[in-house]
Amino acid sequence: MSQAEAKPRTTGRQEPGRPKPEELVPSRYAVRIGEIEVLIISDGVLPLPTTMLGHNADAADRAVWLDDMFLPRDAFDWALNVVLVRSGGQTILIDAGLGLDPDLNLPRAGQLIKRLAGAGIDLASVTDVVLTHLHMDHIGGLLVDGVKDRLRPDLRIHVAAAETKFWEAPDFSHVSMPPGFPDALRATAKRFLSEYGSHLNLFDERSEVAPGVVVQRTGGHTPGHSVVRLASGGDRLTFAGDAVFAVGFEHPDWYNGFEHDPEEAARVRIDLLRELAANGEQLVATHLPFPSVGRVAVDGDVFRWVPVFWDY
C-alpha cells in the first residue's frame, strides 16, 4: 500500500470541534409480537458480588461457572432491562429501572429516563405501568425528580396485591444482600407506595392490562412477583422479571441473593423454564444480558439459553 493510500489511524479520542458520538453500546431493541410492539430498553448495569448468583452454592462451583462464561470471579455486572409495549392504543411500561440512589454508588444504572427520551418516548404517552415487583431497581425510575409531573394524571400502575401487602412489613430473613441494600429497598418501596398509592390497580393472580398483555403473579422472588405474558397472532413472549437469571439455566436451583423465598423462587424458575422450553415462546428478563431476547431449550437435566439472532 502506498503512503497516499494509507488510511489515518483512529484513536477513539474526541477531536475538538466534532460533535460527540451517541452512546457506543446499544441500549434499545425492537421486537414485534403479532400486532404488539415491544421495545426493550437497557437501564444500565449493576455490579454485584458473584455470591449473589447463588449463595447456597459452593464457591468452587460458582467459580467454574464464571470461568466457563469468561467472567471475573469477584463481581458480576447484572443487566437491567425494561420493556415498553404498545397494544390496543395503550402504551405500557413494564418496570421502571433503578432511578437514582447515590448512597449505593451505582453510576452505570438508572439510565431509563434518558434512554426513553433518546428513543422518542414521551412520558406523557405512557397509559399504564406494570411492576413485576417493588424492588428498587424496578420502581426507582418513577421516583426520579420531575418524572411524576411528566406522567399522566390518570396513569394506571398494575401490581399484585400480595406485593404491596408484603412491603408493609417486609421479611429479609432469607436474603443474602450486600450491606445497605435492605435499608435502601425498604425506603424506596415505602416512598413509592406513598407517592403512587392513588394510581395502583391491584390484582390477585392475573389481570389483562391491554389486548394480549396479561400480568400473572408467580411469587417466589417476592410474594407478589409477577411475569408479563404477551400473545398476538400466534406469537408469544414472556417478560420474566426476576424469575430467571443468567446462571439459572444451568443451575436453576441456585438461590439468588435478592430472593425473599429462595425455595419457592427456584420452583417458580424451574416451572417457568420448563413451560418456555415446551412451547418455544420468546423470553426477556430483567437481568439477562441485553437485549435478553431468546428461547429456552432443555439440555439433559438442566436448561440452555438460546439467544435469538438480532433482527435488523
C-alpha atoms as a PDB file:
ATOM      1  CA  MET A   1       0.000   0.000   0.000  1.00  0.00           C
ATOM      2  CA  SER A   2       1.386   3.422  -0.901  1.00  0.00           C
ATOM      3  CA  GLN A   3       1.587   6.267   1.551  1.00  0.00           C
ATOM      4  CA  ALA A   4      -1.214   8.038  -0.335  1.00  0.00           C
ATOM      5  CA  GLU A   5      -3.487   5.007   0.056  1.00  0.00           C
ATOM      6  CA  ALA A   6      -2.855   4.591   3.768  1.00  0.00           C
ATOM      7  CA  LYS A   7      -5.791   5.479   5.998  1.00  0.00           C
ATOM      8  CA  PRO A   8      -5.323   7.558   9.128  1.00  0.00           C
ATOM      9  CA  ARG A   9      -5.407   5.557  12.338  1.00  0.00           C
ATOM     10  CA  THR A  10      -8.305   6.347  14.686  1.00  0.00           C
ATOM     11  CA  THR A  11      -7.506   6.710  18.349  1.00  0.00           C
ATOM     12  CA  GLY A  12     -11.024   6.884  19.775  1.00  0.00           C
ATOM     13  CA  ARG A  13     -10.279  10.308  21.315  1.00  0.00           C
ATOM     14  CA  GLN A  14     -12.791  13.097  20.784  1.00  0.00           C
ATOM     15  CA  GLU A  15     -11.357  15.694  18.395  1.00  0.00           C
ATOM     16  CA  PRO A  16     -12.053  19.382  19.072  1.00  0.00           C
ATOM     17  CA  GLY A  17     -14.911  20.804  17.046  1.00  0.00           C
ATOM     18  CA  ARG A  18     -16.515  17.468  16.244  1.00  0.00           C
ATOM     19  CA  PRO A  19     -19.900  16.518  17.697  1.00  0.00           C
ATOM     20  CA  LYS A  20     -19.854  13.943  20.468  1.00  0.00           C
ATOM     21  CA  PRO A  21     -20.848  10.451  19.313  1.00  0.00           C
ATOM     22  CA  GLU A  22     -24.006   8.789  20.551  1.00  0.00           C
ATOM     23  CA  GLU A  23     -23.615   6.015  23.123  1.00  0.00           C
ATOM     24  CA  LEU A  24     -21.234   3.368  21.857  1.00  0.00           C
ATOM     25  CA  VAL A  25     -23.312   0.490  23.246  1.00  0.00           C
ATOM     26  CA  PRO A  26     -26.814  -0.498  22.092  1.00  0.00           C
ATOM     27  CA  SER A  27     -29.498   0.453  24.572  1.00  0.00           C
ATOM     28  CA  ARG A  28     -32.798  -0.387  22.857  1.00  0.00           C
ATOM     29  CA  TYR A  29     -34.044  -3.226  20.699  1.00  0.00           C
ATOM     30  CA  ALA A  30     -37.437  -3.616  18.987  1.00  0.00           C
ATOM     31  CA  VAL A  31     -39.467  -6.824  18.683  1.00  0.00           C
ATOM     32  CA  ARG A  32     -42.922  -7.392  17.217  1.00  0.00           C
ATOM     33  CA  ILE A  33     -45.235  -9.987  18.753  1.00  0.00           C
ATOM     34  CA  GLY A  34     -48.064 -10.197  16.249  1.00  0.00           C
ATOM     35  CA  GLU A  35     -49.727  -6.775  16.441  1.00  0.00           C
ATOM     36  CA  ILE A  36     -47.967  -5.875  19.697  1.00  0.00           C
ATOM     37  CA  GLU A  37     -44.950  -3.575  19.507  1.00  0.00           C
ATOM     38  CA  VAL A  38     -42.212  -4.286  22.053  1.00  0.00           C
ATOM     39  CA  LEU A  39     -39.189  -2.124  22.829  1.00  0.00           C
ATOM     40  CA  ILE A  40     -36.552  -3.463  25.219  1.00  0.00           C
ATOM     41  CA  ILE A  41     -34.550  -0.686  26.851  1.00  0.00           C
ATOM     42  CA  SER A  42     -31.385  -1.009  28.915  1.00  0.00           C
ATOM     43  CA  ASP A  43     -31.392   0.819  32.233  1.00  0.00           C
ATOM     44  CA  GLY A  44     -27.678   0.035  32.591  1.00  0.00           C
ATOM     45  CA  VAL A  45     -25.918  -2.499  34.789  1.00  0.00           C
ATOM     46  CA  LEU A  46     -25.476  -3.249  38.490  1.00  0.00           C
ATOM     47  CA  PRO A  47     -22.052  -4.511  39.614  1.00  0.00           C
ATOM     48  CA  LEU A  48     -22.657  -7.018  42.412  1.00  0.00           C
ATOM     49  CA  PRO A  49     -20.610  -9.660  44.260  1.00  0.00           C
ATOM     50  CA  THR A  50     -20.679 -13.009  42.480  1.00  0.00           C
ATOM     51  CA  THR A  51     -22.005 -14.722  45.616  1.00  0.00           C
ATOM     52  CA  MET A  52     -25.325 -13.115  44.669  1.00  0.00           C
ATOM     53  CA  LEU A  53     -25.576 -15.563  41.765  1.00  0.00           C
ATOM     54  CA  GLY A  54     -26.072 -18.495  44.113  1.00  0.00           C
ATOM     55  CA  HIS A  55     -25.388 -18.043  47.798  1.00  0.00           C
ATOM     56  CA  ASN A  56     -26.367 -21.663  48.508  1.00  0.00           C
ATOM     57  CA  ALA A  57     -23.791 -22.970  46.002  1.00  0.00           C
ATOM     58  CA  ASP A  58     -20.234 -23.987  46.747  1.00  0.00           C
ATOM     59  CA  ALA A  59     -17.757 -21.209  45.935  1.00  0.00           C
ATOM     60  CA  ALA A  60     -15.787 -23.572  43.706  1.00  0.00           C
ATOM     61  CA  ASP A  61     -18.911 -24.355  41.662  1.00  0.00           C
ATOM     62  CA  ARG A  62     -19.618 -20.664  41.219  1.00  0.00           C
ATOM     63  CA  ALA A  63     -16.019 -20.159  40.108  1.00  0.00           C
ATOM     64  CA  VAL A  64     -16.373 -22.908  37.495  1.00  0.00           C
ATOM     65  CA  TRP A  65     -19.493 -21.278  36.031  1.00  0.00           C
ATOM     66  CA  LEU A  66     -17.837 -17.853  35.932  1.00  0.00           C
ATOM     67  CA  ASP A  67     -14.712 -19.280  34.308  1.00  0.00           C
ATOM     68  CA  ASP A  68     -16.811 -21.114  31.722  1.00  0.00           C
ATOM     69  CA  MET A  69     -18.554 -17.814  30.904  1.00  0.00           C
ATOM     70  CA  PHE A  70     -15.222 -15.912  30.764  1.00  0.00           C
ATOM     71  CA  LEU A  71     -16.390 -13.683  33.603  1.00  0.00           C
ATOM     72  CA  PRO A  72     -14.402 -12.321  36.565  1.00  0.00           C
ATOM     73  CA  ARG A  73     -14.803 -14.165  39.846  1.00  0.00           C
ATOM     74  CA  ASP A  74     -15.208 -11.167  42.149  1.00  0.00           C
ATOM     75  CA  ALA A  75     -18.001  -9.012  40.659  1.00  0.00           C
ATOM     76  CA  PHE A  76     -20.648  -9.579  38.025  1.00  0.00           C
ATOM     77  CA  ASP A  77     -22.495  -6.898  36.015  1.00  0.00           C
ATOM     78  CA  TRP A  78     -26.226  -7.562  36.216  1.00  0.00           C
ATOM     79  CA  ALA A  79     -28.089  -6.159  33.239  1.00  0.00           C
ATOM     80  CA  LEU A  80     -31.178  -4.050  33.938  1.00  0.00           C
ATOM     81  CA  ASN A  81     -33.791  -4.374  31.203  1.00  0.00           C
ATOM     82  CA  VAL A  82     -37.109  -2.536  30.970  1.00  0.00           C
ATOM     83  CA  VAL A  83     -39.813  -3.162  28.367  1.00  0.00           C
ATOM     84  CA  LEU A  84     -42.170  -0.736  26.633  1.00  0.00           C
ATOM     85  CA  VAL A  85     -45.241  -2.282  24.982  1.00  0.00           C
ATOM     86  CA  ARG A  86     -47.830  -0.775  22.636  1.00  0.00           C
ATOM     87  CA  SER A  87     -51.087  -2.668  22.256  1.00  0.00           C
ATOM     88  CA  GLY A  88     -54.683  -1.633  21.583  1.00  0.00           C
ATOM     89  CA  GLY A  89     -53.939   2.075  21.796  1.00  0.00           C
ATOM     90  CA  GLN A  90     -52.189   1.714  25.165  1.00  0.00           C
ATOM     91  CA  THR A  91     -48.521   2.367  25.903  1.00  0.00           C
ATOM     92  CA  ILE A  92     -47.343   0.185  28.758  1.00  0.00           C
ATOM     93  CA  LEU A  93     -44.073   0.476  30.655  1.00  0.00           C
ATOM     94  CA  ILE A  94     -43.074  -2.807  32.279  1.00  0.00           C
ATOM     95  CA  ASP A  95     -40.867  -1.935  35.258  1.00  0.00           C
ATOM     96  CA  ALA A  96     -39.074   1.396  35.614  1.00  0.00           C
ATOM     97  CA  GLY A  97     -35.408   0.752  36.340  1.00  0.00           C
ATOM     98  CA  LEU A  98     -33.274   1.872  39.255  1.00  0.00           C
ATOM     99  CA  GLY A  99     -33.563   5.638  39.120  1.00  0.00           C
ATOM    100  CA  LEU A 100     -31.002   7.333  41.314  1.00  0.00           C
ATOM    101  CA  ASP A 101     -29.679   6.175  44.669  1.00  0.00           C
ATOM    102  CA  PRO A 102     -26.377   7.965  45.326  1.00  0.00           C
ATOM    103  CA  ASP A 103     -25.896   6.213  48.663  1.00  0.00           C
ATOM    104  CA  LEU A 104     -25.283   2.887  46.874  1.00  0.00           C
ATOM    105  CA  ASN A 105     -22.858   4.321  44.289  1.00  0.00           C
ATOM    106  CA  LEU A 106     -24.332   2.674  41.186  1.00  0.00           C
ATOM    107  CA  PRO A 107     -23.479   5.208  38.454  1.00  0.00           C
ATOM    108  CA  ARG A 108     -23.881   2.830  35.493  1.00  0.00           C
ATOM    109  CA  ALA A 109     -27.540   2.133  36.259  1.00  0.00           C
ATOM    110  CA  GLY A 110     -30.560   4.435  36.238  1.00  0.00           C
ATOM    111  CA  GLN A 111     -30.389   5.254  32.521  1.00  0.00           C
ATOM    112  CA  LEU A 112     -34.061   4.624  31.646  1.00  0.00           C
ATOM    113  CA  ILE A 113     -35.441   8.171  31.559  1.00  0.00           C
ATOM    114  CA  LYS A 114     -32.570   9.383  29.376  1.00  0.00           C
ATOM    115  CA  ARG A 115     -32.917   6.419  27.051  1.00  0.00           C
ATOM    116  CA  LEU A 116     -36.688   6.759  26.748  1.00  0.00           C
ATOM    117  CA  ALA A 117     -36.090  10.321  25.610  1.00  0.00           C
ATOM    118  CA  GLY A 118     -33.440   9.101  23.178  1.00  0.00           C
ATOM    119  CA  ALA A 119     -35.987   6.677  21.720  1.00  0.00           C
ATOM    120  CA  GLY A 120     -38.502   9.499  21.275  1.00  0.00           C
ATOM    121  CA  ILE A 121     -40.824   8.208  24.011  1.00  0.00           C
ATOM    122  CA  ASP A 122     -42.771  10.963  25.771  1.00  0.00           C
ATOM    123  CA  LEU A 123     -43.528  10.018  29.374  1.00  0.00           C
ATOM    124  CA  ALA A 124     -46.984  11.588  28.950  1.00  0.00           C
ATOM    125  CA  SER A 125     -47.787   8.912  26.350  1.00  0.00           C
ATOM    126  CA  VAL A 126     -47.491   6.096  28.911  1.00  0.00           C
ATOM    127  CA  THR A 127     -51.001   4.974  29.863  1.00  0.00           C
ATOM    128  CA  ASP A 128     -50.051   2.042  32.115  1.00  0.00           C
ATOM    129  CA  VAL A 129     -47.132   0.796  34.184  1.00  0.00           C
ATOM    130  CA  VAL A 130     -46.817  -2.870  35.135  1.00  0.00           C
ATOM    131  CA  LEU A 131     -44.467  -3.646  38.014  1.00  0.00           C
ATOM    132  CA  THR A 132     -43.143  -7.178  38.356  1.00  0.00           C
ATOM    133  CA  HIS A 133     -42.345  -6.363  41.999  1.00  0.00           C
ATOM    134  CA  LEU A 134     -41.316  -3.432  44.188  1.00  0.00           C
ATOM    135  CA  HIS A 135     -37.546  -3.854  44.445  1.00  0.00           C
ATOM    136  CA  MET A 136     -35.882  -0.512  43.851  1.00  0.00           C
ATOM    137  CA  ASP A 137     -34.300  -1.494  40.520  1.00  0.00           C
ATOM    138  CA  HIS A 138     -37.830  -1.942  39.165  1.00  0.00           C
ATOM    139  CA  ILE A 139     -39.538   1.168  40.557  1.00  0.00           C
ATOM    140  CA  GLY A 140     -36.792   3.738  41.089  1.00  0.00           C
ATOM    141  CA  GLY A 141     -37.196   5.393  37.695  1.00  0.00           C
ATOM    142  CA  LEU A 142     -40.643   6.604  38.756  1.00  0.00           C
ATOM    143  CA  LEU A 143     -39.059   8.402  41.713  1.00  0.00           C
ATOM    144  CA  VAL A 144     -36.540  10.447  39.723  1.00  0.00           C
ATOM    145  CA  ASP A 145     -37.098  14.175  40.262  1.00  0.00           C
ATOM    146  CA  GLY A 146     -39.603  15.586  37.788  1.00  0.00           C
ATOM    147  CA  VAL A 147     -40.805  12.247  36.396  1.00  0.00           C
ATOM    148  CA  LYS A 148     -44.143  12.113  38.194  1.00  0.00           C
ATOM    149  CA  ASP A 149     -45.014  15.601  36.943  1.00  0.00           C
ATOM    150  CA  ARG A 150     -44.490  14.428  33.353  1.00  0.00           C
ATOM    151  CA  LEU A 151     -46.689  11.334  33.708  1.00  0.00           C
ATOM    152  CA  ARG A 152     -50.425  11.318  33.009  1.00  0.00           C
ATOM    153  CA  PRO A 153     -52.672  12.132  35.966  1.00  0.00           C
ATOM    154  CA  ASP A 154     -54.787   9.067  35.082  1.00  0.00           C
ATOM    155  CA  LEU A 155     -51.789   6.712  34.905  1.00  0.00           C
ATOM    156  CA  ARG A 156     -52.634   3.148  35.968  1.00  0.00           C
ATOM    157  CA  ILE A 157     -49.960   1.165  37.818  1.00  0.00           C
ATOM    158  CA  HIS A 158     -50.613  -2.568  37.915  1.00  0.00           C
ATOM    159  CA  VAL A 159     -49.061  -4.585  40.737  1.00  0.00           C
ATOM    160  CA  ALA A 160     -50.053  -7.710  42.675  1.00  0.00           C
ATOM    161  CA  ALA A 161     -51.920  -7.058  45.909  1.00  0.00           C
ATOM    162  CA  ALA A 162     -49.627  -9.545  47.666  1.00  0.00           C
ATOM    163  CA  GLU A 163     -46.671  -7.347  46.745  1.00  0.00           C
ATOM    164  CA  THR A 164     -47.964  -4.163  48.348  1.00  0.00           C
ATOM    165  CA  LYS A 165     -49.004  -6.167  51.410  1.00  0.00           C
ATOM    166  CA  PHE A 166     -45.500  -7.644  51.721  1.00  0.00           C
ATOM    167  CA  TRP A 167     -43.832  -4.228  51.801  1.00  0.00           C
ATOM    168  CA  GLU A 168     -45.895  -3.126  54.775  1.00  0.00           C
ATOM    169  CA  ALA A 169     -43.512  -5.285  56.876  1.00  0.00           C
ATOM    170  CA  PRO A 170     -41.003  -6.964  54.522  1.00  0.00           C
ATOM    171  CA  ASP A 171     -39.182 -10.125  55.602  1.00  0.00           C
ATOM    172  CA  PHE A 172     -35.444 -10.115  54.783  1.00  0.00           C
ATOM    173  CA  SER A 173     -34.549 -13.191  56.834  1.00  0.00           C
ATOM    174  CA  HIS A 174     -33.809 -15.418  53.805  1.00  0.00           C
ATOM    175  CA  VAL A 175     -31.985 -12.989  51.511  1.00  0.00           C
ATOM    176  CA  SER A 176     -28.225 -12.607  51.079  1.00  0.00           C
ATOM    177  CA  MET A 177     -27.672  -8.992  50.021  1.00  0.00           C
ATOM    178  CA  PRO A 178     -24.685  -6.641  50.222  1.00  0.00           C
ATOM    179  CA  PRO A 179     -24.746  -4.141  53.128  1.00  0.00           C
ATOM    180  CA  GLY A 180     -27.045  -1.197  52.597  1.00  0.00           C
ATOM    181  CA  PHE A 181     -29.407  -2.899  50.176  1.00  0.00           C
ATOM    182  CA  PRO A 182     -32.140  -3.989  52.640  1.00  0.00           C
ATOM    183  CA  ASP A 183     -32.485  -0.467  54.034  1.00  0.00           C
ATOM    184  CA  ALA A 184     -32.484   1.036  50.548  1.00  0.00           C
ATOM    185  CA  LEU A 185     -35.124  -1.433  49.351  1.00  0.00           C
ATOM    186  CA  ARG A 186     -37.388  -0.711  52.315  1.00  0.00           C
ATOM    187  CA  ALA A 187     -37.050   3.053  51.930  1.00  0.00           C
ATOM    188  CA  THR A 188     -37.658   3.021  48.177  1.00  0.00           C
ATOM    189  CA  ALA A 189     -40.748   0.801  48.395  1.00  0.00           C
ATOM    190  CA  LYS A 190     -42.182   2.936  51.194  1.00  0.00           C
ATOM    191  CA  ARG A 191     -41.631   6.129  49.232  1.00  0.00           C
ATOM    192  CA  PHE A 192     -43.103   4.630  46.056  1.00  0.00           C
ATOM    193  CA  LEU A 193     -46.277   3.445  47.807  1.00  0.00           C
ATOM    194  CA  SER A 194     -46.665   6.868  49.401  1.00  0.00           C
ATOM    195  CA  GLU A 195     -46.226   8.803  46.155  1.00  0.00           C
ATOM    196  CA  TYR A 196     -48.128   6.498  43.779  1.00  0.00           C
ATOM    197  CA  GLY A 197     -50.689   4.808  46.029  1.00  0.00           C
ATOM    198  CA  SER A 198     -53.623   6.526  44.322  1.00  0.00           C
ATOM    199  CA  HIS A 199     -52.526   5.168  40.916  1.00  0.00           C
ATOM    200  CA  LEU A 200     -52.354   1.499  41.916  1.00  0.00           C
ATOM    201  CA  ASN A 201     -54.521  -1.075  40.197  1.00  0.00           C
ATOM    202  CA  LEU A 202     -54.127  -4.167  42.393  1.00  0.00           C
ATOM    203  CA  PHE A 203     -54.796  -7.709  41.205  1.00  0.00           C
ATOM    204  CA  ASP A 204     -54.749 -11.068  42.955  1.00  0.00           C
ATOM    205  CA  GLU A 205     -53.427 -13.675  40.498  1.00  0.00           C
ATOM    206  CA  ARG A 206     -53.920 -12.418  36.949  1.00  0.00           C
ATOM    207  CA  SER A 207     -55.002  -9.291  35.101  1.00  0.00           C
ATOM    208  CA  GLU A 208     -55.339  -8.336  31.427  1.00  0.00           C
ATOM    209  CA  VAL A 209     -53.731  -4.917  31.063  1.00  0.00           C
ATOM    210  CA  ALA A 210     -54.301  -4.474  27.319  1.00  0.00           C
ATOM    211  CA  PRO A 211     -55.217  -6.732  24.383  1.00  0.00           C
ATOM    212  CA  GLY A 212     -52.788  -9.635  24.512  1.00  0.00           C
ATOM    213  CA  VAL A 213     -50.954  -8.251  27.561  1.00  0.00           C
ATOM    214  CA  VAL A 214     -51.528 -10.250  30.760  1.00  0.00           C
ATOM    215  CA  VAL A 215     -49.719  -9.890  34.085  1.00  0.00           C
ATOM    216  CA  GLN A 216     -49.612 -13.044  36.216  1.00  0.00           C
ATOM    217  CA  ARG A 217     -48.404 -13.449  39.797  1.00  0.00           C
ATOM    218  CA  THR A 218     -45.748 -16.117  40.376  1.00  0.00           C
ATOM    219  CA  GLY A 219     -44.484 -15.339  43.880  1.00  0.00           C
ATOM    220  CA  GLY A 220     -41.099 -16.661  44.954  1.00  0.00           C
ATOM    221  CA  HIS A 221     -38.688 -13.812  44.375  1.00  0.00           C
ATOM    222  CA  THR A 222     -41.115 -11.700  46.380  1.00  0.00           C
ATOM    223  CA  PRO A 223     -44.632 -12.760  47.403  1.00  0.00           C
ATOM    224  CA  GLY A 224     -46.199 -10.634  44.671  1.00  0.00           C
ATOM    225  CA  HIS A 225     -43.563 -11.120  41.986  1.00  0.00           C
ATOM    226  CA  SER A 226     -45.236 -11.320  38.584  1.00  0.00           C
ATOM    227  CA  VAL A 227     -44.420 -12.042  34.961  1.00  0.00           C
ATOM    228  CA  VAL A 228     -45.996 -10.446  31.896  1.00  0.00           C
ATOM    229  CA  ARG A 229     -47.236 -12.639  29.043  1.00  0.00           C
ATOM    230  CA  LEU A 230     -47.650 -11.169  25.547  1.00  0.00           C
ATOM    231  CA  ALA A 231     -49.626 -13.013  22.859  1.00  0.00           C
ATOM    232  CA  SER A 232     -50.792 -11.898  19.424  1.00  0.00           C
ATOM    233  CA  GLY A 233     -51.206 -13.571  16.040  1.00  0.00           C
ATOM    234  CA  GLY A 234     -49.645 -16.821  17.175  1.00  0.00           C
ATOM    235  CA  ASP A 235     -46.536 -15.100  18.573  1.00  0.00           C
ATOM    236  CA  ARG A 236     -45.748 -15.151  22.285  1.00  0.00           C
ATOM    237  CA  LEU A 237     -43.222 -13.547  24.613  1.00  0.00           C
ATOM    238  CA  THR A 238     -42.830 -13.633  28.372  1.00  0.00           C
ATOM    239  CA  PHE A 239     -41.154 -10.883  30.376  1.00  0.00           C
ATOM    240  CA  ALA A 240     -39.986 -12.876  33.382  1.00  0.00           C
ATOM    241  CA  GLY A 241     -38.833 -10.057  35.646  1.00  0.00           C
ATOM    242  CA  ASP A 242     -36.535 -11.581  38.275  1.00  0.00           C
ATOM    243  CA  ALA A 243     -37.760 -15.153  37.950  1.00  0.00           C
ATOM    244  CA  VAL A 244     -34.790 -16.011  35.695  1.00  0.00           C
ATOM    245  CA  PHE A 245     -31.121 -15.024  35.969  1.00  0.00           C
ATOM    246  CA  ALA A 246     -28.182 -15.787  33.699  1.00  0.00           C
ATOM    247  CA  VAL A 247     -26.933 -18.611  35.904  1.00  0.00           C
ATOM    248  CA  GLY A 248     -30.432 -20.040  36.306  1.00  0.00           C
ATOM    249  CA  PHE A 249     -30.401 -22.127  33.136  1.00  0.00           C
ATOM    250  CA  GLU A 250     -27.505 -24.386  34.114  1.00  0.00           C
ATOM    251  CA  HIS A 251     -28.204 -24.023  37.842  1.00  0.00           C
ATOM    252  CA  PRO A 252     -31.916 -23.294  38.370  1.00  0.00           C
ATOM    253  CA  ASP A 253     -31.666 -24.479  41.983  1.00  0.00           C
ATOM    254  CA  TRP A 254     -29.107 -21.813  42.971  1.00  0.00           C
ATOM    255  CA  TYR A 255     -30.553 -19.201  45.300  1.00  0.00           C
ATOM    256  CA  ASN A 256     -30.250 -15.611  44.175  1.00  0.00           C
ATOM    257  CA  GLY A 257     -29.302 -13.177  46.911  1.00  0.00           C
ATOM    258  CA  PHE A 258     -32.369 -10.987  46.383  1.00  0.00           C
ATOM    259  CA  GLU A 259     -34.920 -13.795  46.666  1.00  0.00           C
ATOM    260  CA  HIS A 260     -37.120 -13.422  49.744  1.00  0.00           C
ATOM    261  CA  ASP A 261     -38.298 -17.044  49.471  1.00  0.00           C
ATOM    262  CA  PRO A 262     -35.435 -18.857  47.706  1.00  0.00           C
ATOM    263  CA  GLU A 263     -37.004 -22.322  47.719  1.00  0.00           C
ATOM    264  CA  GLU A 264     -40.230 -21.073  46.163  1.00  0.00           C
ATOM    265  CA  ALA A 265     -38.274 -18.894  43.716  1.00  0.00           C
ATOM    266  CA  ALA A 266     -36.375 -21.968  42.492  1.00  0.00           C
ATOM    267  CA  ARG A 267     -39.648 -23.857  41.987  1.00  0.00           C
ATOM    268  CA  VAL A 268     -41.114 -20.918  40.066  1.00  0.00           C
ATOM    269  CA  ARG A 269     -37.984 -20.666  37.921  1.00  0.00           C
ATOM    270  CA  ILE A 270     -37.927 -24.375  37.038  1.00  0.00           C
ATOM    271  CA  ASP A 271     -41.653 -24.474  36.223  1.00  0.00           C
ATOM    272  CA  LEU A 272     -41.378 -21.382  34.024  1.00  0.00           C
ATOM    273  CA  LEU A 273     -38.301 -22.639  32.166  1.00  0.00           C
ATOM    274  CA  ARG A 274     -39.986 -25.999  31.563  1.00  0.00           C
ATOM    275  CA  GLU A 275     -43.041 -24.240  30.154  1.00  0.00           C
ATOM    276  CA  LEU A 276     -40.993 -21.975  27.883  1.00  0.00           C
ATOM    277  CA  ALA A 277     -38.897 -24.896  26.639  1.00  0.00           C
ATOM    278  CA  ALA A 278     -42.079 -26.797  25.788  1.00  0.00           C
ATOM    279  CA  ASN A 279     -43.926 -24.011  23.972  1.00  0.00           C
ATOM    280  CA  GLY A 280     -40.948 -22.281  22.327  1.00  0.00           C
ATOM    281  CA  GLU A 281     -42.070 -18.755  23.133  1.00  0.00           C
ATOM    282  CA  GLN A 282     -39.588 -15.936  23.457  1.00  0.00           C
ATOM    283  CA  LEU A 283     -38.196 -14.860  26.813  1.00  0.00           C
ATOM    284  CA  VAL A 284     -36.989 -11.491  28.076  1.00  0.00           C
ATOM    285  CA  ALA A 285     -35.899 -10.941  31.679  1.00  0.00           C
ATOM    286  CA  THR A 286     -34.647  -8.046  33.743  1.00  0.00           C
ATOM    287  CA  HIS A 287     -31.170  -9.357  34.481  1.00  0.00           C
ATOM    288  CA  LEU A 288     -30.295 -11.360  31.366  1.00  0.00           C
ATOM    289  CA  PRO A 289     -27.677  -9.690  29.138  1.00  0.00           C
ATOM    290  CA  PHE A 290     -29.236  -7.005  26.949  1.00  0.00           C
ATOM    291  CA  PRO A 291     -31.400  -7.315  24.910  1.00  0.00           C
ATOM    292  CA  SER A 292     -32.074 -10.679  26.547  1.00  0.00           C
ATOM    293  CA  VAL A 293     -34.410 -11.940  23.808  1.00  0.00           C
ATOM    294  CA  GLY A 294     -34.114 -15.681  23.431  1.00  0.00           C
ATOM    295  CA  ARG A 295     -35.665 -19.059  23.953  1.00  0.00           C
ATOM    296  CA  VAL A 296     -35.180 -21.927  26.372  1.00  0.00           C
ATOM    297  CA  ALA A 297     -34.006 -25.406  25.449  1.00  0.00           C
ATOM    298  CA  VAL A 298     -33.726 -28.491  27.612  1.00  0.00           C
ATOM    299  CA  ASP A 299     -30.166 -29.738  27.981  1.00  0.00           C
ATOM    300  CA  GLY A 300     -30.182 -33.025  29.871  1.00  0.00           C
ATOM    301  CA  ASP A 301     -31.299 -32.364  33.436  1.00  0.00           C
ATOM    302  CA  VAL A 302     -30.946 -28.581  33.111  1.00  0.00           C
ATOM    303  CA  PHE A 303     -31.749 -25.853  30.609  1.00  0.00           C
ATOM    304  CA  ARG A 304     -29.947 -23.926  27.898  1.00  0.00           C
ATOM    305  CA  TRP A 305     -30.334 -20.289  26.905  1.00  0.00           C
ATOM    306  CA  VAL A 306     -30.705 -19.794  23.124  1.00  0.00           C
ATOM    307  CA  PRO A 307     -30.344 -16.098  22.209  1.00  0.00           C
ATOM    308  CA  VAL A 308     -32.250 -15.015  19.094  1.00  0.00           C
ATOM    309  CA  PHE A 309     -30.366 -13.697  16.109  1.00  0.00           C
ATOM    310  CA  TRP A 310     -30.732  -9.930  16.108  1.00  0.00           C
ATOM    311  CA  ASP A 311     -33.269  -8.732  13.540  1.00  0.00           C
ATOM    312  CA  TYR A 312     -32.172  -5.570  11.758  1.00  0.00           C
END
